[in-house]
Protein backbone atom coordinates (compact mmCIF):
# COMPACT_ATOMS: atom_id res chain seq x y z
CA MET A 1 -11.00 35.88 -78.72
CA VAL A 2 -13.08 35.85 -75.43
CA ALA A 3 -12.86 32.24 -75.23
CA GLY A 4 -8.91 32.36 -76.07
CA ARG A 5 -8.29 35.08 -73.41
CA THR A 6 -10.52 32.88 -70.95
CA THR A 7 -8.24 30.20 -71.55
CA VAL A 8 -4.96 31.69 -70.64
CA LEU A 9 -6.44 33.69 -67.98
CA VAL A 10 -7.27 30.57 -66.40
CA LEU A 11 -4.02 29.17 -67.01
CA VAL A 12 -2.33 31.72 -65.64
CA LEU A 13 -4.31 31.36 -62.48
CA THR A 14 -3.38 27.81 -62.57
CA LEU A 15 0.19 28.55 -62.71
CA PHE A 16 -0.30 31.30 -59.78
CA ALA A 17 -1.62 28.79 -57.65
CA GLY A 18 0.74 25.90 -58.61
CA ALA A 19 3.57 28.15 -57.37
CA VAL A 20 1.82 28.92 -54.42
CA ALA A 21 1.26 25.48 -53.31
CA ALA A 22 4.88 24.71 -54.22
CA ALA A 23 6.06 27.72 -51.77
CA ASP A 24 3.44 26.54 -49.43
CA ALA A 25 5.12 22.67 -49.47
CA THR A 26 8.87 24.14 -48.20
CA LYS A 27 7.24 25.51 -45.13
CA SER A 28 7.30 22.85 -42.23
CA SER A 29 5.12 22.36 -38.94
CA ILE A 30 6.12 20.13 -35.58
CA HIS A 31 3.86 19.30 -33.46
CA GLY A 32 3.83 16.57 -30.65
CA THR A 33 2.67 15.55 -27.24
CA VAL A 34 4.39 16.36 -23.89
CA VAL A 35 3.95 13.83 -21.23
CA ASP A 36 5.43 13.22 -17.81
CA ALA A 37 8.25 10.57 -17.59
CA ALA A 38 6.80 8.74 -14.98
CA SER A 39 3.33 8.44 -15.36
CA GLY A 40 2.84 9.15 -18.84
CA ALA A 41 -0.07 11.62 -18.49
CA PRO A 42 -0.22 14.77 -20.41
CA VAL A 43 1.71 17.84 -18.91
CA VAL A 44 -0.46 21.06 -19.62
CA ASP A 45 1.01 24.35 -19.57
CA ALA A 46 4.16 23.14 -20.41
CA THR A 47 6.74 25.46 -22.68
CA VAL A 48 7.78 24.21 -25.82
CA VAL A 49 10.48 26.26 -27.04
CA ILE A 50 11.68 25.89 -30.63
CA VAL A 51 15.29 26.97 -31.52
CA ALA A 52 15.26 28.24 -35.14
CA PRO A 53 18.51 28.20 -37.29
CA ALA A 54 20.51 31.99 -36.70
CA PRO A 55 19.22 34.73 -37.16
CA ALA A 56 15.84 33.63 -36.49
CA ALA A 57 14.49 34.46 -32.65
CA PRO A 58 13.05 31.03 -30.90
CA VAL A 59 9.83 30.56 -30.70
CA SER A 60 7.69 29.52 -27.91
CA VAL A 61 4.25 28.16 -27.37
CA ARG A 62 2.43 26.33 -24.53
CA THR A 63 0.98 22.86 -24.31
CA SER A 64 -3.02 22.46 -24.09
CA ALA A 65 -5.12 20.63 -21.77
CA LYS A 66 -3.84 17.47 -23.80
CA GLY A 67 -0.53 18.36 -23.27
CA GLU A 68 -0.25 19.13 -27.08
CA TYR A 69 1.36 21.42 -29.39
CA SER A 70 2.03 22.90 -32.76
CA THR A 71 4.08 25.30 -34.76
CA SER A 72 3.34 25.83 -38.25
CA ASP A 73 5.05 28.24 -41.02
CA LEU A 74 8.58 26.99 -40.09
CA ALA A 75 11.89 27.45 -42.75
CA PRO A 76 13.39 24.54 -43.85
CA GLY A 77 16.50 23.91 -41.28
CA ARG A 78 17.98 22.60 -38.42
CA TYR A 79 16.08 23.07 -35.16
CA ALA A 80 16.18 22.06 -31.45
CA VAL A 81 13.26 21.60 -29.22
CA THR A 82 13.36 22.28 -25.83
CA VAL A 83 10.54 21.61 -22.94
CA ALA A 84 10.48 23.86 -19.71
CA TYR A 85 8.05 22.74 -16.95
CA GLY A 86 8.83 23.72 -13.36
CA ASP A 87 12.52 23.64 -12.62
CA THR A 88 13.17 20.87 -15.77
CA HIS A 89 14.32 21.62 -19.25
CA THR A 90 14.31 18.79 -21.30
CA SER A 91 16.60 19.08 -24.85
CA ALA A 92 15.52 17.05 -27.87
CA GLU A 93 17.63 15.73 -30.12
CA ALA A 94 18.09 18.61 -32.97
CA ILE A 95 16.09 17.42 -35.92
CA ASP A 96 15.59 18.40 -39.60
CA VAL A 97 13.12 20.17 -41.07
CA ASP A 98 12.04 20.53 -45.11
CA GLY A 99 8.55 20.45 -45.42
CA GLY A 100 5.58 18.57 -44.62
CA VAL A 101 4.55 17.66 -40.50
CA VAL A 102 7.28 16.52 -38.17
CA ARG A 103 6.28 14.88 -35.05
CA LEU A 104 8.22 15.04 -31.76
CA ASP A 105 7.16 13.80 -28.38
CA LEU A 106 8.56 15.09 -25.72
CA ARG A 107 8.51 13.60 -21.90
CA VAL A 108 9.75 15.55 -18.43
CA ASN A 109 9.63 14.99 -15.16
CA ALA A 110 6.37 16.67 -13.62
CA GLN A 111 6.94 16.11 -10.05
CA ARG A 112 9.35 18.47 -9.70
CA ILE A 113 7.56 22.00 -9.33
CA GLU A 114 10.02 24.46 -8.24
CA THR A 115 9.18 28.12 -10.57
CA ILE A 116 11.74 29.31 -12.60
CA VAL A 117 11.83 31.91 -15.14
CA VAL A 118 10.12 30.43 -18.40
CA ARG A 119 10.93 32.06 -21.73
CA GLU A 120 8.19 33.55 -23.70
CA LYS A 121 7.71 34.70 -27.39
CA LEU A 122 9.26 37.95 -27.14
CA PRO A 123 6.67 40.68 -27.89
CA PRO A 124 5.80 42.86 -31.10
CA PRO A 125 8.65 45.92 -31.43
CA PRO A 126 7.30 49.12 -30.10
CA LYS A 127 7.35 52.16 -32.90
CA VAL A 128 10.41 53.66 -31.19
CA GLU A 129 13.21 51.53 -30.07
CA ALA A 130 14.99 52.00 -26.35
CA THR A 131 18.26 54.34 -26.82
CA PRO A 132 20.79 54.77 -24.01
CA THR A 133 20.81 58.26 -22.51
CA GLU A 134 24.57 58.37 -22.84
CA ARG A 135 27.67 57.18 -24.62
CA TYR A 136 29.22 54.15 -23.18
CA GLU A 137 32.46 53.75 -23.95
CA ARG A 138 33.99 50.07 -24.27
CA LEU A 139 37.16 50.47 -22.43
CA THR A 140 35.38 52.17 -19.32
CA LEU A 141 34.29 48.24 -18.70
CA PRO A 142 35.98 47.12 -15.29
CA TYR A 143 38.73 44.16 -15.84
CA SER A 144 38.70 40.60 -13.69
CA SER A 145 42.38 39.70 -12.71
CA GLU A 146 41.97 36.51 -14.56
CA ALA A 147 41.35 38.83 -17.75
CA ILE A 148 44.50 40.78 -16.95
CA ASP A 149 46.16 38.14 -16.46
CA THR A 150 45.02 36.22 -19.70
CA ASP A 151 45.08 39.13 -21.71
CA ALA A 152 42.35 37.79 -23.83
CA TRP A 153 40.24 39.65 -25.84
CA LYS A 154 36.31 38.71 -24.77
CA VAL A 155 32.93 39.68 -25.63
CA ALA A 156 29.49 39.60 -24.10
CA TRP A 157 26.01 39.71 -25.29
CA LEU A 158 22.95 40.38 -22.98
CA LEU A 159 19.39 40.53 -23.74
CA LEU A 160 18.13 43.66 -21.44
CA ALA A 161 14.62 44.11 -20.34
CA ILE A 162 14.19 48.02 -19.70
CA ASP A 163 10.71 49.24 -18.33
CA ASP A 164 8.99 51.95 -18.86
CA MET A 165 11.37 54.26 -16.97
CA GLY A 166 14.02 53.40 -19.07
CA ALA A 167 15.62 51.17 -16.05
CA VAL A 168 17.57 47.85 -16.79
CA THR A 169 14.97 45.02 -14.89
CA GLY A 170 16.39 42.08 -16.29
CA VAL A 171 19.82 40.80 -17.81
CA THR A 172 19.79 37.29 -19.76
CA PHE A 173 23.00 36.15 -21.14
CA LEU A 174 22.94 35.43 -25.43
CA HIS A 175 26.70 34.84 -24.70
CA ARG A 176 28.73 34.68 -21.75
CA PRO A 177 32.58 36.02 -21.74
CA GLY A 178 33.75 34.00 -19.04
CA ILE A 179 37.35 34.41 -17.03
CA GLY A 180 35.62 36.31 -14.45
CA LEU A 181 33.88 39.04 -16.53
CA ASP A 182 30.35 37.52 -16.45
CA GLU A 183 29.45 38.87 -12.85
CA ILE A 184 30.79 42.19 -14.23
CA ALA A 185 29.14 42.43 -16.66
CA SER A 186 25.55 41.61 -15.28
CA GLU A 187 26.82 44.43 -12.75
CA GLN A 188 27.58 46.94 -15.60
CA ALA A 189 24.22 46.36 -17.34
CA PHE A 190 21.78 47.25 -14.38
CA LYS A 191 23.83 50.68 -14.40
CA LEU A 192 22.69 51.70 -17.94
CA ARG A 193 19.94 53.83 -18.68
CA PHE A 194 17.56 54.24 -21.26
CA HIS A 195 15.49 56.87 -23.01
CA PRO A 196 12.27 54.14 -22.61
CA ALA A 197 10.19 52.48 -25.97
CA ARG A 198 7.22 54.34 -27.42
CA ASP A 199 4.27 52.53 -28.87
CA ASP A 200 2.34 53.60 -31.88
CA GLU A 201 0.62 56.84 -29.60
CA GLY A 202 3.65 57.74 -28.10
CA ARG A 203 3.55 56.43 -25.06
CA ALA A 204 6.46 54.83 -23.12
CA VAL A 205 5.98 51.04 -23.03
CA ALA A 206 8.60 48.48 -21.46
CA SER A 207 11.10 46.69 -24.36
CA HIS A 208 13.91 44.49 -25.11
CA VAL A 209 17.57 45.76 -25.83
CA LEU A 210 20.27 43.39 -27.37
CA TRP A 211 23.43 44.79 -25.74
CA LYS A 212 27.22 44.31 -26.57
CA MET A 213 29.98 44.51 -23.81
CA GLU A 214 33.80 44.52 -25.03
CA TRP A 215 37.07 44.00 -23.24
CA LEU A 216 39.76 44.25 -25.15
CA PRO A 217 43.17 42.42 -24.16
CA TYR A 218 44.21 44.75 -21.16
CA TRP A 219 47.56 45.94 -21.81
CA PRO A 220 47.29 46.86 -25.28
CA GLY A 221 44.24 48.35 -25.10
CA ARG A 222 45.58 50.46 -21.94
CA VAL A 223 48.83 52.11 -24.34
CA ASN A 224 46.45 52.07 -27.78
CA VAL A 225 43.58 53.42 -26.44
CA GLY A 226 40.68 53.41 -29.31
CA TYR A 227 42.16 50.42 -31.20
CA SER A 228 40.96 51.45 -34.52
CA LYS A 229 42.17 48.92 -36.76
CA THR A 230 40.67 46.01 -34.93
CA GLY A 231 39.13 44.78 -38.43
CA ASP A 232 42.84 43.80 -39.27
CA ILE A 233 43.11 41.48 -36.38
CA PRO A 234 41.85 37.72 -37.22
CA CYS A 235 38.93 36.05 -35.28
CA ALA A 236 39.24 33.31 -33.01
CA ASN A 237 38.62 30.23 -34.46
CA SER A 238 38.86 32.02 -38.27
CA GLY A 239 42.12 29.97 -39.60
CA ARG A 240 43.97 32.85 -40.20
CA PRO A 241 47.80 32.47 -39.13
CA LEU A 242 48.57 35.30 -36.52
CA ASP A 243 51.38 38.13 -37.32
CA LEU A 244 53.72 37.37 -33.95
CA GLY A 245 55.57 40.42 -35.07
CA ALA A 246 52.63 42.49 -34.81
CA PHE A 247 52.11 45.26 -31.47
CA TYR A 248 48.75 42.74 -30.68
CA PRO A 249 49.59 38.76 -31.60
CA SER A 250 46.23 37.51 -30.06
CA TYR A 251 42.97 37.02 -31.67
CA ARG A 252 39.91 39.29 -31.88
CA ASP A 253 36.78 37.49 -30.18
CA CYS A 254 34.02 37.41 -32.70
CA SER A 255 31.29 35.90 -30.99
CA GLU A 256 27.78 36.37 -31.94
CA PRO A 257 24.61 36.02 -29.61
CA ASP A 258 23.41 32.68 -29.20
CA TRP A 259 19.12 33.28 -29.18
CA GLY A 260 18.75 29.73 -27.94
CA LYS A 261 20.16 30.65 -24.82
CA LEU A 262 16.58 31.97 -24.35
CA ALA A 263 15.61 28.37 -23.52
CA THR A 264 18.28 28.11 -21.16
CA GLU A 265 19.71 30.98 -19.70
CA ARG A 266 18.04 32.26 -16.17
CA GLU A 267 16.86 35.72 -16.58
CA ILE A 268 19.20 38.17 -14.02
CA LYS A 269 17.13 40.51 -11.58
CA PRO A 270 18.62 43.71 -9.87
CA PRO A 271 20.33 43.46 -6.93
CA PRO A 272 17.99 44.79 -3.89
CA ARG A 273 18.34 48.31 -3.13
CA ARG A 274 19.94 49.21 -0.08
CA ALA A 275 17.41 50.82 2.46
CA SER A 276 18.57 54.48 3.25
CA ARG A 277 19.51 55.53 6.44
């Protein structure tokens, strides 16, 4: 009986190990070397951003003294790789990974040494996230002349950097609304105030907040404040036909945040304060 139980136990452990190995086999890694396009020399301390399929956030790594980089534990999917060094952004072709190791070598113009804001992997989320100090209604947002003229529905997604006092210290667009609303969006973002995030010990800490701004079509929005039945309005590019006889014969902007913009969008800083007289 003992020998039989031992055999069964060994079989179970063997099957479990095989299942773990099979699960690990689906994970992928991307590695390679970043070199100077002119000299071929390795580029040290360049930032390589691995843009993962949505909704996963991008991951960034730094190159070593030999110009090497490596990432691991990537789920199967289609990835884009961007390398940033100085004022250079180099985007590689999108690549498919489905288990195993993928090598991708990258080249940048390392002779250009202007400074840019380099996107790092965001820090772990705090225990208590930052929350707005008041309710911000979407219809209080100013409109641009072009937004009024086109009467279009627009959405902006922004990643806000919040300091330990609850003030917005940086804005990064993850989706731009266009039609003259980009500057309005950033200006309004710096007017927001938050209760700061808190760490495990209850201390106020800096954090990031994903923020959505929405502009309904100007004239219907003025007449029908609140717009309670937006879910019945088809999204742009949805393929659903419009009801041209409806009060609101237009498409809704259902855009989602594009986390890949962390690799390409510069962080906007607040305007300098005017000196008081």
